[in-house]
Amino acid sequence: MAKIGEDFIEDGGKLIHTKEHNWDAALQQAEIYRQNGNQSFGDSKFVGVIDMGMMEIWAAEAGIKFNDPAMKEVVKRKMMSGEFDKLRVWKGSY
């Protein structure tokens, strides 16, 4: 992931911090893994490529800390939703 922009805006006494990211590297990496058949490693499945910055965003959206055990379910729900299908390497369900 590459952070490509960051801004601080004052709005009615509030300070708003915005960040802009480019996720192209994660998308390209997932495509390379799919093309090379890297979906399975023995009994394990390589579900997808998730950038740490994206995981932080997902944790914030869910209102939990990054290291909360519930994060496992957040990741599963996001990856299975179809919204992040381009990050998936293995297309099965788990």
C-alpha atoms as a PDB file:
ATOM      1  CA  MET A   1       0.000   0.000   0.000  1.00  0.00           C
ATOM      2  CA  ALA A   2       1.141   3.472  -0.633  1.00  0.00           C
ATOM      3  CA  LYS A   3      -0.274   6.462   1.124  1.00  0.00           C
ATOM      4  CA  ILE A   4      -0.581   9.043  -1.615  1.00  0.00           C
ATOM      5  CA  GLY A   5      -2.198  11.884   0.285  1.00  0.00           C
ATOM      6  CA  GLU A   6      -2.936  13.213   3.718  1.00  0.00           C
ATOM      7  CA  ASP A   7      -4.791  16.328   4.797  1.00  0.00           C
ATOM      8  CA  PHE A   8      -5.974  18.079   7.953  1.00  0.00           C
ATOM      9  CA  ILE A   9      -9.137  20.159   7.683  1.00  0.00           C
ATOM     10  CA  GLU A  10     -10.689  22.325  10.370  1.00  0.00           C
ATOM     11  CA  ASP A  11     -14.479  22.242  10.310  1.00  0.00           C
ATOM     12  CA  GLY A  12     -16.474  24.046  12.969  1.00  0.00           C
ATOM     13  CA  GLY A  13     -13.903  23.541  15.704  1.00  0.00           C
ATOM     14  CA  LYS A  14     -13.236  19.949  14.690  1.00  0.00           C
ATOM     15  CA  LEU A  15      -9.998  18.759  13.155  1.00  0.00           C
ATOM     16  CA  ILE A  16     -10.601  16.184  10.417  1.00  0.00           C
ATOM     17  CA  HIS A  17      -7.695  13.997   9.315  1.00  0.00           C
ATOM     18  CA  THR A  18      -8.076  12.406   5.886  1.00  0.00           C
ATOM     19  CA  LYS A  19      -5.747   9.925   4.209  1.00  0.00           C
ATOM     20  CA  GLU A  20      -5.727   8.717   0.625  1.00  0.00           C
ATOM     21  CA  HIS A  21      -4.244   5.329  -0.260  1.00  0.00           C
ATOM     22  CA  ASN A  22      -3.408   3.452  -3.427  1.00  0.00           C
ATOM     23  CA  TRP A  23      -4.170  -0.270  -3.109  1.00  0.00           C
ATOM     24  CA  ASP A  24      -2.858  -1.227  -6.576  1.00  0.00           C
ATOM     25  CA  ALA A  25       0.111  -3.165  -5.171  1.00  0.00           C
ATOM     26  CA  ALA A  26      -2.197  -5.511  -3.213  1.00  0.00           C
ATOM     27  CA  LEU A  27      -4.429  -6.004  -6.258  1.00  0.00           C
ATOM     28  CA  GLN A  28      -1.454  -6.808  -8.482  1.00  0.00           C
ATOM     29  CA  GLN A  29      -0.015  -9.187  -5.902  1.00  0.00           C
ATOM     30  CA  ALA A  30      -3.308 -11.093  -5.623  1.00  0.00           C
ATOM     31  CA  GLU A  31      -3.504 -11.394  -9.418  1.00  0.00           C
ATOM     32  CA  ILE A  32       0.041 -12.795  -9.584  1.00  0.00           C
ATOM     33  CA  TYR A  33      -0.767 -15.382  -6.900  1.00  0.00           C
ATOM     34  CA  ARG A  34      -3.958 -16.417  -8.759  1.00  0.00           C
ATOM     35  CA  GLN A  35      -2.121 -16.773 -12.074  1.00  0.00           C
ATOM     36  CA  ASN A  36       0.611 -18.889 -10.472  1.00  0.00           C
ATOM     37  CA  GLY A  37      -1.852 -21.267  -8.800  1.00  0.00           C
ATOM     38  CA  ASN A  38      -0.853 -20.351  -5.252  1.00  0.00           C
ATOM     39  CA  GLN A  39      -4.281 -20.998  -3.724  1.00  0.00           C
ATOM     40  CA  SER A  40      -3.418 -24.073  -1.638  1.00  0.00           C
ATOM     41  CA  PHE A  41      -0.565 -25.105   0.598  1.00  0.00           C
ATOM     42  CA  GLY A  42      -1.325 -28.619   1.819  1.00  0.00           C
ATOM     43  CA  ASP A  43      -4.444 -28.372   3.963  1.00  0.00           C
ATOM     44  CA  SER A  44      -4.197 -24.567   4.132  1.00  0.00           C
ATOM     45  CA  LYS A  45      -5.815 -22.107   1.735  1.00  0.00           C
ATOM     46  CA  PHE A  46      -4.421 -18.739   0.712  1.00  0.00           C
ATOM     47  CA  VAL A  47      -7.622 -16.716   0.851  1.00  0.00           C
ATOM     48  CA  GLY A  48      -6.281 -13.347  -0.206  1.00  0.00           C
ATOM     49  CA  VAL A  49      -3.968 -10.384   0.083  1.00  0.00           C
ATOM     50  CA  ILE A  50      -4.895  -7.834   2.751  1.00  0.00           C
ATOM     51  CA  ASP A  51      -2.730  -4.810   3.423  1.00  0.00           C
ATOM     52  CA  MET A  52      -2.179  -3.844   7.070  1.00  0.00           C
ATOM     53  CA  GLY A  53      -3.522  -0.364   6.349  1.00  0.00           C
ATOM     54  CA  MET A  54      -6.739  -1.907   5.062  1.00  0.00           C
ATOM     55  CA  MET A  55      -7.001  -4.084   8.176  1.00  0.00           C
ATOM     56  CA  GLU A  56      -6.679  -0.960  10.342  1.00  0.00           C
ATOM     57  CA  ILE A  57      -9.510   0.674   8.395  1.00  0.00           C
ATOM     58  CA  TRP A  58     -11.697  -2.425   8.785  1.00  0.00           C
ATOM     59  CA  ALA A  59     -11.016  -2.533  12.537  1.00  0.00           C
ATOM     60  CA  ALA A  60     -11.940   1.144  12.890  1.00  0.00           C
ATOM     61  CA  GLU A  61     -15.166   0.609  10.898  1.00  0.00           C
ATOM     62  CA  ALA A  62     -16.077  -2.302  13.184  1.00  0.00           C
ATOM     63  CA  GLY A  63     -15.260  -0.249  16.293  1.00  0.00           C
ATOM     64  CA  ILE A  64     -12.694  -2.731  17.558  1.00  0.00           C
ATOM     65  CA  LYS A  65      -8.962  -2.706  18.113  1.00  0.00           C
ATOM     66  CA  PHE A  66      -6.690  -4.233  15.517  1.00  0.00           C
ATOM     67  CA  ASN A  67      -5.598  -7.010  17.915  1.00  0.00           C
ATOM     68  CA  ASP A  68      -9.141  -7.869  19.082  1.00  0.00           C
ATOM     69  CA  PRO A  69     -10.014 -11.562  18.540  1.00  0.00           C
ATOM     70  CA  ALA A  70     -13.183 -10.384  16.755  1.00  0.00           C
ATOM     71  CA  MET A  71     -10.951  -9.089  13.952  1.00  0.00           C
ATOM     72  CA  LYS A  72     -10.854 -12.611  12.538  1.00  0.00           C
ATOM     73  CA  GLU A  73     -14.599 -12.451  11.879  1.00  0.00           C
ATOM     74  CA  VAL A  74     -14.357  -8.930  10.433  1.00  0.00           C
ATOM     75  CA  VAL A  75     -11.744 -10.104   7.925  1.00  0.00           C
ATOM     76  CA  LYS A  76     -13.782 -13.183   7.032  1.00  0.00           C
ATOM     77  CA  ARG A  77     -16.957 -11.135   6.502  1.00  0.00           C
ATOM     78  CA  LYS A  78     -15.131  -8.574   4.335  1.00  0.00           C
ATOM     79  CA  MET A  79     -13.357 -11.191   2.214  1.00  0.00           C
ATOM     80  CA  MET A  80     -16.525 -13.233   1.680  1.00  0.00           C
ATOM     81  CA  SER A  81     -18.692 -10.170   0.886  1.00  0.00           C
ATOM     82  CA  GLY A  82     -17.697  -9.972  -2.775  1.00  0.00           C
ATOM     83  CA  GLU A  83     -16.772  -6.312  -2.386  1.00  0.00           C
ATOM     84  CA  PHE A  84     -13.106  -7.297  -2.062  1.00  0.00           C
ATOM     85  CA  ASP A  85     -13.173 -10.121  -4.611  1.00  0.00           C
ATOM     86  CA  LYS A  86     -10.147  -8.767  -6.479  1.00  0.00           C
ATOM     87  CA  LEU A  87      -8.056  -9.304  -3.345  1.00  0.00           C
ATOM     88  CA  ARG A  88      -9.070 -12.964  -3.180  1.00  0.00           C
ATOM     89  CA  VAL A  89      -6.628 -15.632  -4.312  1.00  0.00           C
ATOM     90  CA  TRP A  90      -8.660 -18.712  -3.356  1.00  0.00           C
ATOM     91  CA  LYS A  91     -12.295 -18.323  -4.421  1.00  0.00           C
ATOM     92  CA  GLY A  92     -13.795 -20.978  -2.123  1.00  0.00           C
ATOM     93  CA  SER A  93     -15.732 -20.309   1.067  1.00  0.00           C
ATOM     94  CA  TYR A  94     -14.457 -20.877   4.558  1.00  0.00           C
END
